[in-house]
Amino acid sequence: MQAEARTINSYQTRLGHGPHVLCPTCGSQIHFIKTVNGKQMPCQLTLEYGDERKTLVTNSGRTVRKAGRDVIGYQPHWGFCKR
């Protein structure tokens, strides 16, 4: 598991992501990824592997529902927002 964490951290450092902003509803730090449809998706800051249950947004803007272990991306913020 530590090797996976190092892989994710180096991947995130290499690619980077947009500036962090505060969610206007809950105040959490988030960032936006431009989806393939051209819309901005608010996402969590942590880059993660899929686990067959998560919805992830990849750095290329593809939204993957029930993402498998081969998918690396960010979880959309709407699942975490404390409204």
Foldseek 3Di string as FASTA:
>chain_A
DVVVVVVQVVVCVVVPFDDWDADPQAGDTWGWAQAPVRDTFTFHPGKDFAPQQAWFQANRRYTDGSGHRVDIGTGGCVVPGPD
